[in-house]
Structures are given as structure tokens and as C-alpha cells.
Amino acid sequence: MAKSTGDWIDNEREGCKFNDARLEKRFEKLLRQLSDGIGESIPLSCQDWANTKAAYRFFSNDRVSEADILAGHFQATADRFSATSGLVLVLHDTTEFSYQRENAKDIGITHKVRTDGGNTDRILYHTVCGLLMHSSLAVTTAGLPLGLASIKYWTRKKFKGCSQLKKKVNPTRVPIEKKESVRWIDNLRESTHLLNGPRRCVHIGDRESDIYELFCAAQEVNTHFLVRTCVDRLAEDGTITISDEMSESPVKGLHRIVVRDKRGNCSTATIEIKYRRIHVLPPIAKQKQYPELTLTVIYAQERGKPKGRDLIDWKLITDLPIHSRSEAIEKLEWYALRWKIETYHKILKSGCKAEESRLRTAERLTRLLSVFCILGWRIFWMTMMNRAAPSVSASLVFTKLEICLLDQLIPSKEKTRHKNISKYPTKLAMLGGYLARSNDPPPGNMVIWRGASR
């Protein structure tokens, strides 16, 4: 999965090309310092005033962009993609980073939330200061994260009043290029180009990615997609919709899964599976711009009404053909892996503590977030490597010095020549509070980042 058994930081920065060699050296040193102090503030990670000042200068340097910082990681992701075989899932999602600032002008705003009106009956709103990030994470079908394939940052200076706009303008008539939704299409194209294997990529998104232009973009670059649909589009000759077609489709099979409610209690759910190949029409206002497509629609709906949790009701749409119940279940399992990118964003916020930064401008914050994106992937990769490929050599993940240190801190009970990966992430997690009892589940991201910080 990795390019070499050397230092992982060298692998992740090799493709970086800064305008100045001094910036490249500073980036390497900064990456090491923040890696050694994951979750700590910049002054604590840098240890002294000289390195702290140099770090702040790096993040405020206009000659440094997030593209410069992530270029090496993108190249390493492409290399790991080339080293794998079979299909790779590209998970897309958007997240917000909120910051408490008295003046949001230098950073921007993300959304408005309702606040207590106090003694009045008026509904008051509070504007949240922050940045938005749309990321595309490549993972294998076994759930191993190969790295980021594309990323986009943006912020809002003012709200456009979408609720009021809908009363005057049909949103479907607004060109996609003028909407924030274009980020889904841009990332699909950029990640497909980077990985250079369009037929091996399956792009996965939630209901926000149910965009007809995205379906057409995937067809243009000859790649695949699997998204959760929320729009009941026109189908066949235009007199019926997708839901009409699916209501006439018989149940093709049942699938039983184990689910947890909000309290962590397990129960078994029986899922009815329907799938059908349907001729889908573009929105009425855009039928002259975009072609008609033949897509597969999958309905996975739970029998009965569960207690203590929401009813499972997935409606997916994909360009991939489905010929059997097992192929439909496979697509459902792929979509279930979309949660991996939610976990990745949690690592950035809880592990790297990205929202606790006190940097003052959006440009500085995006440079810092780009560094955190590399560190967050590293934590996630170590966690999942232990589960997806426990028999590979530990030298694929850790340097000789790191292996020696872990052996000294937590000696192995059994002496073996072959040092596989299954032992060392566990040792690292034990430094973060993992007990490693016989019935304990594999260590998670939280104890891994705590151990890495120690």
C-alpha cells in the first residue's frame, strides 16, 4: 500500500513543490512537529518561540497554498491506488469547521442557528463563523483509506436567502456552475483524473449529491457512481416517475443485518430489497442540455417499525448494472462504507482539534487544515490497516526506530522474528489507554491518536 518502508512523512511530501526550498524544509519540519503533538496547540507542538514563529510565518505566507501542501499526499494516494487491485470507493462529503470570533469578516460564515429570544417572543438567529470543506477520500472495499483524492475549501461572506429565492426562481433553472453544489462535480472530476483509473472508481455520496449533472459528469469521464437519491425524477416516457416504477417492482430478496439503536443495543432488521433498471430523464428545464440516462435504482426498506431507532429506508441510484440479490447487497455494503468519511472528519475535529485553532484568517486556517488532513489520514490508516491487513509487515507502517521504541515500552509476551502489523497499532493504542483484553474490540481512532501523541 505504501511506496516504501521509509519514513511516512517523506512519502507524503515527496510530490510537494514549493516556490522556495526553505518553505519545503519548513513544511517537513512542521509536519513532524505537529505529528509528534497531535491535538496540541502550535506553540506546544513547536516547543520554542523560534519554531513557533516560523510555523506562524509559514501559515501566513501568501506563497503557500493548500494545493502546495497537499500535492505530495495526493501523489501518494495515487501511488497507493495503483498498488491495489479491484474497485476503489471514492467517498465524498462536506463538513463545517466552526470558530468563535467576535468579528467574522476575516474568516467568513457558514450558517445561521436559532438562539434563545430571551424575554421577547421574537425568533433570533446567530451567525456561525467558520469554513466549509468538501473532501474526497479513496478507500478500498475492505474499508482501508488510501488517502484524499481531492479537496475544496470555501466560506461565505453573506447568505443569498435561498428560502426567499425559491419563491421567485425555480432552483432547477439555475446553472449548476452558479451553485455551491458544483463542488460535487469538481471533486468527482479531479479525483478521477488523479487516480487515473476511472473504471476502477465508484464515487459515493449522500442525498446532497443527488444531482443529475453529477450523473452526466460521471458518464463523461467514464467512471461509476452510487448515491443516495432524494429526488423523484421523471422516468421512461415522462408520464411516470421513478417511485411509480419501483412501486410496481417486486421484492427481489430479503437481507438481515444487525443494527444498534442510540443506546447501543443490538437488534436484527429484515430488509426488503428491490432493484430495477430505469430510463431516467433530466429535469424539465434542462432536457436540452443533458442526455437521458439508463440507471439502476435500489430500494432497501425495513419490514415493520423498529423501537428506539429510525426505520431503515435507503433509496440508491447507480450507473452499475445489478443482476442478482448478492450484487444488490454488495452495493448496499459499499454505501454503508460512506460512514468512513464521517469518521475521518471526526478525527480532524476531535483528534487534531482543528476547531480550536486561533489563527485569524481563512487563508491561514485552510493551510493548517491541509496539514491536519495528512495527519488525520495517517491516524485513520493505521487504525484500519490493523483490521484490513493484520498479517503484513509492521515496517510498512512504522519505522525501525518506532518499532524499537514500542517494543521497549510494551514488550511482547511472545518472541517472534516476524513483526506483523497486528501487534504494533495495538501497542500504540495501549499508550493511549487501550486495555487490550482478550474480548476487547480492535483499537479505534481515539486511542490510536492518544498513543501517537504520547
Protein backbone atom coordinates (compact mmCIF):
# COMPACT_ATOMS: atom_id res chain seq x y z
CA MET A 1 0.00 0.00 0.00
CA ALA A 2 2.89 2.37 0.60
CA LYS A 3 5.62 3.46 -1.76
CA SER A 4 8.45 2.40 0.52
CA THR A 5 9.23 1.24 4.02
CA GLY A 6 10.96 4.51 4.85
CA ASP A 7 9.68 7.50 6.79
CA TRP A 8 5.99 8.06 6.04
CA ILE A 9 6.46 11.83 6.09
CA ASP A 10 8.95 11.55 3.21
CA ASN A 11 6.33 9.61 1.24
CA GLU A 12 3.61 12.18 1.87
CA ARG A 13 5.72 15.24 0.97
CA GLU A 14 7.78 13.88 -1.94
CA GLY A 15 5.39 15.28 -4.56
CA CYS A 16 5.28 18.77 -2.99
CA LYS A 17 6.84 21.61 -4.99
CA PHE A 18 7.07 24.90 -3.16
CA ASN A 19 8.33 28.13 -4.67
CA ASP A 20 11.22 28.22 -2.23
CA ALA A 21 13.39 25.37 -0.91
CA ARG A 22 13.21 26.93 2.54
CA LEU A 23 9.43 26.55 2.53
CA GLU A 24 9.81 22.86 1.68
CA LYS A 25 12.19 22.33 4.62
CA ARG A 26 9.91 24.24 6.96
CA PHE A 27 6.90 22.19 5.81
CA GLU A 28 8.75 18.93 6.53
CA LYS A 29 9.76 20.12 9.99
CA LEU A 30 6.29 21.46 10.73
CA LEU A 31 4.67 18.20 9.65
CA ARG A 32 6.94 16.26 12.01
CA GLN A 33 6.30 18.63 14.91
CA LEU A 34 2.53 18.54 14.53
CA SER A 35 2.64 14.76 14.03
CA ASP A 36 4.51 14.38 17.33
CA GLY A 37 1.93 16.57 19.09
CA ILE A 38 -1.40 15.63 17.53
CA GLY A 39 -4.18 17.60 19.17
CA GLU A 40 -1.80 20.08 20.82
CA SER A 41 -1.55 23.79 20.08
CA ILE A 42 1.07 25.09 17.66
CA PRO A 43 3.30 26.56 20.43
CA LEU A 44 3.22 23.29 22.40
CA SER A 45 3.99 21.20 19.29
CA CYS A 46 6.84 23.50 18.24
CA GLN A 47 8.29 23.68 21.80
CA ASP A 48 10.11 27.04 21.48
CA TRP A 49 9.47 30.56 20.26
CA ALA A 50 11.72 30.32 17.18
CA ASN A 51 9.91 27.27 15.76
CA THR A 52 6.52 28.66 16.78
CA LYS A 53 7.19 31.96 14.99
CA ALA A 54 8.43 30.05 11.92
CA ALA A 55 5.21 27.99 11.91
CA TYR A 56 3.02 31.11 12.07
CA ARG A 57 5.04 32.66 9.24
CA PHE A 58 4.52 29.52 7.15
CA PHE A 59 0.74 29.59 7.64
CA SER A 60 0.56 33.33 6.86
CA ASN A 61 2.80 33.13 3.76
CA ASP A 62 0.86 34.06 0.63
CA ARG A 63 3.26 31.97 -1.49
CA VAL A 64 1.98 28.80 0.23
CA SER A 65 -1.38 27.33 -0.81
CA GLU A 66 -3.33 24.30 0.29
CA ALA A 67 -2.58 22.79 -3.14
CA ASP A 68 1.18 23.04 -2.40
CA ILE A 69 0.73 21.35 0.99
CA LEU A 70 -1.47 18.51 -0.28
CA ALA A 71 0.31 17.85 -3.61
CA GLY A 72 2.58 15.21 -2.08
CA HIS A 73 -0.28 13.47 -0.29
CA PHE A 74 -2.37 13.41 -3.47
CA GLN A 75 0.53 11.80 -5.33
CA ALA A 76 0.98 9.24 -2.55
CA THR A 77 -2.75 8.46 -2.71
CA ALA A 78 -2.45 7.84 -6.46
CA ASP A 79 0.54 5.54 -5.83
CA ARG A 80 -1.38 3.55 -3.21
CA PHE A 81 -4.31 3.33 -5.62
CA SER A 82 -2.01 1.92 -8.32
CA ALA A 83 -0.64 -0.64 -5.85
CA THR A 84 -4.13 -2.04 -5.19
CA SER A 85 -6.36 -4.15 -7.42
CA GLY A 86 -10.11 -4.16 -7.86
CA LEU A 87 -12.61 -1.39 -7.33
CA VAL A 88 -11.92 1.57 -5.05
CA LEU A 89 -14.65 3.66 -3.44
CA VAL A 90 -14.25 7.46 -3.52
CA LEU A 91 -16.30 8.85 -0.63
CA HIS A 92 -17.46 12.46 -0.95
CA ASP A 93 -18.84 14.65 1.83
CA THR A 94 -18.91 18.21 3.18
CA THR A 95 -18.13 19.29 6.73
CA GLU A 96 -18.03 22.60 8.60
CA PHE A 97 -15.32 23.96 10.88
CA SER A 98 -16.75 26.49 13.32
CA TYR A 99 -14.70 29.15 15.10
CA GLN A 100 -15.64 31.62 17.81
CA ARG A 101 -14.64 35.09 16.68
CA GLU A 102 -16.03 38.48 17.59
CA ASN A 103 -15.56 39.65 14.01
CA ALA A 104 -16.27 37.01 11.35
CA LYS A 105 -15.12 39.25 8.49
CA ASP A 106 -11.60 37.75 8.16
CA ILE A 107 -12.82 34.14 8.16
CA GLY A 108 -16.39 34.12 6.90
CA ILE A 109 -19.65 32.49 7.90
CA THR A 110 -21.22 29.05 7.38
CA HIS A 111 -24.84 29.08 8.53
CA LYS A 112 -27.34 30.56 10.97
CA VAL A 113 -28.73 28.85 14.08
CA ARG A 114 -31.69 29.76 16.24
CA THR A 115 -30.92 31.26 19.63
CA ASP A 116 -32.99 31.96 22.70
CA GLY A 117 -35.01 35.12 22.25
CA GLY A 118 -34.73 35.97 25.94
CA ASN A 119 -37.71 37.90 27.25
CA THR A 120 -39.12 38.56 23.80
CA ASP A 121 -41.27 36.34 21.59
CA ARG A 122 -39.16 37.11 18.53
CA ILE A 123 -37.13 34.35 16.87
CA LEU A 124 -33.47 35.34 16.92
CA TYR A 125 -30.66 33.86 14.83
CA HIS A 126 -26.94 33.66 15.48
CA THR A 127 -24.47 33.64 12.58
CA VAL A 128 -21.80 30.94 12.87
CA CYS A 129 -18.26 31.87 11.87
CA GLY A 130 -16.22 29.23 10.05
CA LEU A 131 -15.09 27.39 6.92
CA LEU A 132 -16.54 24.60 4.82
CA MET A 133 -14.52 21.71 3.41
CA HIS A 134 -15.60 19.23 0.74
CA SER A 135 -13.31 16.22 0.70
CA SER A 136 -12.99 13.06 -1.39
CA LEU A 137 -11.48 10.07 0.40
CA ALA A 138 -10.39 6.95 -1.51
CA VAL A 139 -10.95 3.68 0.37
CA THR A 140 -10.78 0.02 -0.64
CA THR A 141 -13.91 -2.13 -0.49
CA ALA A 142 -12.44 -3.54 2.74
CA GLY A 143 -12.52 -0.05 4.26
CA LEU A 144 -8.80 0.79 4.15
CA PRO A 145 -8.31 4.55 3.49
CA LEU A 146 -5.79 5.15 0.70
CA GLY A 147 -5.84 8.92 1.14
CA LEU A 148 -7.50 12.08 -0.09
CA ALA A 149 -8.03 12.40 -3.84
CA SER A 150 -9.45 15.92 -3.91
CA ILE A 151 -10.38 18.69 -1.51
CA LYS A 152 -12.08 22.08 -1.71
CA TYR A 153 -12.38 24.87 0.87
CA TRP A 154 -14.73 27.82 0.78
CA THR A 155 -16.52 30.26 3.01
CA ARG A 156 -19.47 32.61 2.73
CA LYS A 157 -19.38 36.37 3.05
CA LYS A 158 -23.18 36.66 3.08
CA PHE A 159 -26.23 34.45 2.76
CA LYS A 160 -28.14 34.51 -0.52
CA GLY A 161 -31.55 33.89 1.05
CA CYS A 162 -32.29 30.54 -0.61
CA SER A 163 -35.72 30.23 1.06
CA GLN A 164 -36.83 33.55 -0.38
CA LEU A 165 -35.21 32.80 -3.72
CA LYS A 166 -37.27 29.61 -4.14
CA LYS A 167 -40.44 31.71 -4.12
CA LYS A 168 -39.28 33.61 -7.21
CA VAL A 169 -36.92 31.30 -9.11
CA ASN A 170 -37.10 27.58 -9.81
CA PRO A 171 -33.76 26.25 -8.43
CA THR A 172 -33.54 23.68 -11.24
CA ARG A 173 -33.28 26.53 -13.75
CA VAL A 174 -30.15 27.96 -12.10
CA PRO A 175 -26.97 26.67 -13.82
CA ILE A 176 -25.01 24.25 -11.64
CA GLU A 177 -21.89 26.40 -12.10
CA LYS A 178 -23.57 29.17 -10.05
CA LYS A 179 -24.38 26.88 -7.13
CA GLU A 180 -22.23 25.57 -4.30
CA SER A 181 -23.32 22.10 -5.44
CA VAL A 182 -20.79 22.31 -8.26
CA ARG A 183 -18.18 21.16 -5.70
CA TRP A 184 -19.51 17.60 -6.04
CA ILE A 185 -18.86 17.61 -9.78
CA ASP A 186 -15.46 19.32 -9.48
CA ASN A 187 -14.23 16.80 -6.91
CA LEU A 188 -15.54 13.88 -8.96
CA ARG A 189 -13.57 15.04 -11.99
CA GLU A 190 -10.41 15.94 -10.05
CA SER A 191 -10.29 12.69 -8.07
CA THR A 192 -10.95 10.58 -11.17
CA HIS A 193 -8.16 12.37 -13.04
CA LEU A 194 -5.73 11.96 -10.12
CA LEU A 195 -6.32 8.25 -9.66
CA ASN A 196 -6.08 7.65 -13.42
CA GLY A 197 -8.33 4.58 -13.37
CA PRO A 198 -11.91 5.76 -13.97
CA ARG A 199 -13.41 2.30 -14.43
CA ARG A 200 -12.00 1.22 -11.06
CA CYS A 201 -13.58 4.14 -9.18
CA VAL A 202 -17.05 4.19 -7.65
CA HIS A 203 -17.97 7.66 -6.36
CA ILE A 204 -20.28 7.54 -3.34
CA GLY A 205 -22.29 10.41 -1.84
CA ASP A 206 -25.27 11.06 0.39
CA ARG A 207 -28.57 12.68 -0.60
CA GLU A 208 -26.89 16.04 -1.12
CA SER A 209 -25.06 14.54 -4.10
CA ASP A 210 -28.28 13.53 -5.88
CA ILE A 211 -27.57 15.88 -8.77
CA TYR A 212 -28.39 14.99 -12.37
CA GLU A 213 -25.38 16.96 -13.62
CA LEU A 214 -23.16 14.71 -11.48
CA PHE A 215 -24.58 11.61 -13.17
CA CYS A 216 -23.75 13.11 -16.57
CA ALA A 217 -20.26 14.18 -15.43
CA ALA A 218 -19.52 10.61 -14.31
CA GLN A 219 -20.59 9.34 -17.71
CA GLU A 220 -18.35 11.90 -19.44
CA VAL A 221 -15.21 10.79 -17.57
CA ASN A 222 -16.18 7.11 -17.89
CA THR A 223 -16.42 6.41 -14.15
CA HIS A 224 -19.07 4.97 -11.81
CA PHE A 225 -21.25 6.45 -9.06
CA LEU A 226 -23.52 5.25 -6.25
CA VAL A 227 -25.51 7.92 -4.41
CA ARG A 228 -28.49 8.06 -2.11
CA THR A 229 -31.38 9.60 -4.00
CA CYS A 230 -33.97 12.01 -2.67
CA VAL A 231 -35.43 13.36 -5.93
CA ASP A 232 -38.33 11.55 -7.57
CA ARG A 233 -37.27 12.09 -11.19
CA LEU A 234 -39.27 11.58 -14.35
CA ALA A 235 -38.76 8.16 -15.93
CA GLU A 236 -39.39 6.26 -19.16
CA ASP A 237 -41.62 8.39 -21.45
CA GLY A 238 -42.03 11.21 -18.90
CA THR A 239 -45.55 10.26 -17.76
CA ILE A 240 -44.36 8.37 -14.67
CA THR A 241 -41.66 8.81 -12.03
CA ILE A 242 -39.01 6.57 -10.51
CA SER A 243 -41.16 5.89 -7.43
CA ASP A 244 -44.03 4.79 -9.71
CA GLU A 245 -41.71 2.32 -11.42
CA MET A 246 -40.33 0.99 -8.13
CA SER A 247 -43.80 0.57 -6.61
CA GLU A 248 -44.58 -1.91 -9.39
CA SER A 249 -41.28 -3.75 -8.94
CA PRO A 250 -41.48 -6.98 -6.89
CA VAL A 251 -39.28 -7.65 -3.86
CA LYS A 252 -36.18 -9.43 -5.20
CA GLY A 253 -34.91 -10.72 -1.86
CA LEU A 254 -34.51 -10.25 1.87
CA HIS A 255 -31.38 -9.33 3.81
CA ARG A 256 -30.90 -9.48 7.58
CA ILE A 257 -28.49 -7.12 9.30
CA VAL A 258 -27.56 -6.34 12.90
CA VAL A 259 -28.17 -2.70 13.85
CA ARG A 260 -27.67 -0.64 17.02
CA ASP A 261 -30.01 1.91 18.47
CA LYS A 262 -28.95 5.19 20.09
CA ARG A 263 -28.27 3.42 23.39
CA GLY A 264 -26.01 0.83 21.76
CA ASN A 265 -28.50 -2.05 21.97
CA CYS A 266 -28.31 -4.57 19.11
CA SER A 267 -31.25 -5.92 17.15
CA THR A 268 -31.83 -7.72 13.87
CA ALA A 269 -33.54 -5.91 11.00
CA THR A 270 -35.06 -7.60 7.96
CA ILE A 271 -34.57 -5.56 4.79
CA GLU A 272 -36.66 -5.93 1.64
CA ILE A 273 -34.58 -5.36 -1.48
CA LYS A 274 -35.88 -4.09 -4.80
CA TYR A 275 -33.82 -3.14 -7.83
CA ARG A 276 -34.69 -2.12 -11.35
CA ARG A 277 -33.02 -0.70 -14.45
CA ILE A 278 -34.88 2.52 -15.32
CA HIS A 279 -34.69 5.06 -18.12
CA VAL A 280 -34.26 8.39 -16.25
CA LEU A 281 -35.00 11.82 -17.74
CA PRO A 282 -33.19 15.08 -16.88
CA PRO A 283 -35.08 17.94 -15.15
CA ILE A 284 -37.63 19.58 -17.43
CA ALA A 285 -35.72 22.88 -17.52
CA LYS A 286 -32.50 21.13 -18.56
CA GLN A 287 -33.68 18.47 -21.00
CA LYS A 288 -31.98 20.27 -23.91
CA GLN A 289 -28.63 20.42 -22.09
CA TYR A 290 -28.28 16.92 -20.65
CA PRO A 291 -28.91 13.45 -22.11
CA GLU A 292 -31.31 10.82 -20.85
CA LEU A 293 -29.66 8.06 -18.82
CA THR A 294 -30.38 4.42 -18.06
CA LEU A 295 -29.63 3.84 -14.38
CA THR A 296 -30.24 1.22 -11.69
CA VAL A 297 -32.40 2.14 -8.69
CA ILE A 298 -32.14 0.14 -5.45
CA TYR A 299 -34.70 0.28 -2.63
CA ALA A 300 -33.77 -1.23 0.74
CA GLN A 301 -36.68 -0.86 3.15
CA GLU A 302 -37.08 -2.40 6.59
CA ARG A 303 -40.04 -4.58 7.45
CA GLY A 304 -42.08 -3.45 10.44
CA LYS A 305 -41.49 -0.47 12.72
CA PRO A 306 -38.42 -0.63 14.98
CA LYS A 307 -38.30 0.67 18.55
CA GLY A 308 -35.67 3.14 19.71
CA ARG A 309 -34.27 3.95 16.27
CA ASP A 310 -35.22 5.23 12.83
CA LEU A 311 -36.65 2.97 10.17
CA ILE A 312 -34.09 1.85 7.60
CA ASP A 313 -35.17 3.24 4.23
CA TRP A 314 -32.38 3.55 1.66
CA LYS A 315 -33.02 4.60 -1.92
CA LEU A 316 -29.87 4.40 -4.02
CA ILE A 317 -29.18 5.16 -7.67
CA THR A 318 -26.17 3.98 -9.68
CA ASP A 319 -24.95 3.51 -13.22
CA LEU A 320 -23.77 -0.03 -12.38
CA PRO A 321 -26.00 -2.92 -13.53
CA ILE A 322 -27.39 -5.34 -10.94
CA HIS A 323 -28.38 -8.88 -11.89
CA SER A 324 -28.82 -10.65 -8.56
CA ARG A 325 -29.67 -10.18 -4.89
CA SER A 326 -26.00 -10.60 -3.92
CA GLU A 327 -24.95 -7.77 -6.25
CA ALA A 328 -27.61 -5.51 -4.73
CA ILE A 329 -26.39 -6.33 -1.20
CA GLU A 330 -22.84 -5.57 -2.33
CA LYS A 331 -23.90 -2.06 -3.39
CA LEU A 332 -25.63 -1.53 -0.03
CA GLU A 333 -22.44 -2.55 1.77
CA TRP A 334 -20.46 -0.09 -0.36
CA TYR A 335 -22.81 2.72 0.55
CA ALA A 336 -22.57 1.75 4.23
CA LEU A 337 -18.81 2.46 3.98
CA ARG A 338 -19.69 6.13 3.33
CA TRP A 339 -19.61 6.48 7.12
CA LYS A 340 -15.81 6.23 6.89
CA ILE A 341 -15.55 9.81 5.71
CA GLU A 342 -17.66 10.94 8.68
CA THR A 343 -15.13 9.16 10.91
CA TYR A 344 -12.30 10.91 9.07
CA HIS A 345 -13.87 14.32 9.69
CA LYS A 346 -14.30 13.40 13.36
CA ILE A 347 -10.56 12.70 13.57
CA LEU A 348 -9.83 16.18 12.20
CA LYS A 349 -12.12 17.86 14.73
CA SER A 350 -11.67 15.69 17.84
CA GLY A 351 -8.18 14.27 17.32
CA CYS A 352 -6.38 17.13 15.60
CA LYS A 353 -8.68 19.67 17.33
CA ALA A 354 -8.92 21.69 14.14
CA GLU A 355 -11.69 23.92 15.53
CA GLU A 356 -9.58 25.08 18.47
CA SER A 357 -7.06 26.95 16.33
CA ARG A 358 -6.74 30.69 16.99
CA LEU A 359 -5.41 31.62 13.54
CA ARG A 360 -7.14 34.78 12.40
CA THR A 361 -7.84 34.47 8.67
CA ALA A 362 -9.45 31.92 6.38
CA GLU A 363 -6.26 31.56 4.32
CA ARG A 364 -4.16 30.66 7.35
CA LEU A 365 -6.77 28.23 8.61
CA THR A 366 -7.02 26.39 5.28
CA ARG A 367 -3.23 25.87 5.28
CA LEU A 368 -3.38 24.48 8.81
CA LEU A 369 -6.37 22.27 7.93
CA SER A 370 -4.45 20.91 4.94
CA VAL A 371 -1.67 19.75 7.26
CA PHE A 372 -4.26 18.23 9.60
CA CYS A 373 -5.77 16.37 6.63
CA ILE A 374 -2.49 14.50 6.17
CA LEU A 375 -2.14 13.75 9.89
CA GLY A 376 -5.79 12.68 10.14
CA TRP A 377 -5.37 10.26 7.24
CA ARG A 378 -2.28 8.79 8.93
CA ILE A 379 -4.23 8.04 12.15
CA PHE A 380 -7.16 6.58 10.21
CA TRP A 381 -4.86 4.49 8.01
CA MET A 382 -3.03 2.96 10.98
CA THR A 383 -6.34 2.11 12.66
CA MET A 384 -7.82 0.41 9.60
CA MET A 385 -4.56 -1.24 8.48
CA ASN A 386 -4.65 -3.25 11.67
CA ARG A 387 -8.09 -4.58 10.69
CA ALA A 388 -7.88 -4.85 6.90
CA ALA A 389 -4.41 -6.42 6.59
CA PRO A 390 -3.22 -7.71 10.01
CA SER A 391 -0.60 -10.06 8.53
CA VAL A 392 1.54 -7.51 6.64
CA SER A 393 4.92 -6.42 7.96
CA ALA A 394 4.98 -3.68 10.61
CA SER A 395 7.74 -1.94 8.65
CA LEU A 396 5.08 -0.92 6.12
CA VAL A 397 3.57 1.43 8.72
CA PHE A 398 6.30 2.11 11.31
CA THR A 399 9.98 2.99 11.02
CA LYS A 400 12.64 0.81 12.67
CA LEU A 401 13.03 3.37 15.44
CA GLU A 402 9.28 3.43 16.12
CA ILE A 403 9.15 -0.38 16.23
CA CYS A 404 12.11 -0.46 18.62
CA LEU A 405 10.51 2.16 20.89
CA LEU A 406 7.18 0.31 21.02
CA ASP A 407 8.99 -2.96 21.81
CA GLN A 408 10.82 -1.26 24.67
CA LEU A 409 7.74 0.48 26.08
CA ILE A 410 5.40 -2.52 25.75
CA PRO A 411 7.39 -5.80 25.43
CA SER A 412 5.72 -8.67 23.57
CA LYS A 413 4.89 -11.79 25.54
CA GLU A 414 5.84 -13.99 22.60
CA LYS A 415 9.19 -13.54 20.84
CA THR A 416 8.84 -13.90 17.08
CA ARG A 417 11.02 -12.87 14.17
CA HIS A 418 8.13 -11.78 12.00
CA LYS A 419 6.89 -8.41 13.24
CA ASN A 420 3.43 -8.06 11.69
CA ILE A 421 1.19 -5.05 11.77
CA SER A 422 -1.40 -6.57 14.13
CA LYS A 423 0.79 -6.05 17.23
CA TYR A 424 2.13 -2.54 16.84
CA PRO A 425 -1.03 -0.46 16.42
CA THR A 426 -2.28 -2.32 19.50
CA LYS A 427 0.88 -1.33 21.39
CA LEU A 428 0.42 2.25 20.20
CA ALA A 429 -3.22 2.17 21.34
CA MET A 430 -2.16 0.84 24.75
CA LEU A 431 -0.16 4.05 25.21
CA GLY A 432 -3.46 5.85 24.64
CA GLY A 433 -5.40 3.85 27.24
CA TYR A 434 -6.43 0.74 25.29
CA LEU A 435 -6.56 -2.26 27.67
CA ALA A 436 -6.04 -5.00 25.02
CA ARG A 437 -8.14 -7.58 26.85
CA SER A 438 -8.99 -10.77 25.02
CA ASN A 439 -12.65 -9.79 24.44
CA ASP A 440 -11.97 -6.13 23.57
CA PRO A 441 -12.75 -4.97 20.00
CA PRO A 442 -9.85 -3.73 17.83
CA PRO A 443 -8.48 -0.34 18.90
CA GLY A 444 -10.23 2.68 17.45
CA ASN A 445 -9.05 6.03 16.19
CA MET A 446 -9.31 7.76 19.57
CA VAL A 447 -6.83 5.54 21.43
CA ILE A 448 -4.56 5.45 18.36
CA TRP A 449 -4.23 9.26 18.25
CA ARG A 450 -3.77 9.42 22.01
CA GLY A 451 -0.96 6.85 21.79
CA ALA A 452 0.62 8.67 18.83
CA SER A 453 0.56 11.91 20.81
CA ARG A 454 2.28 10.27 23.78
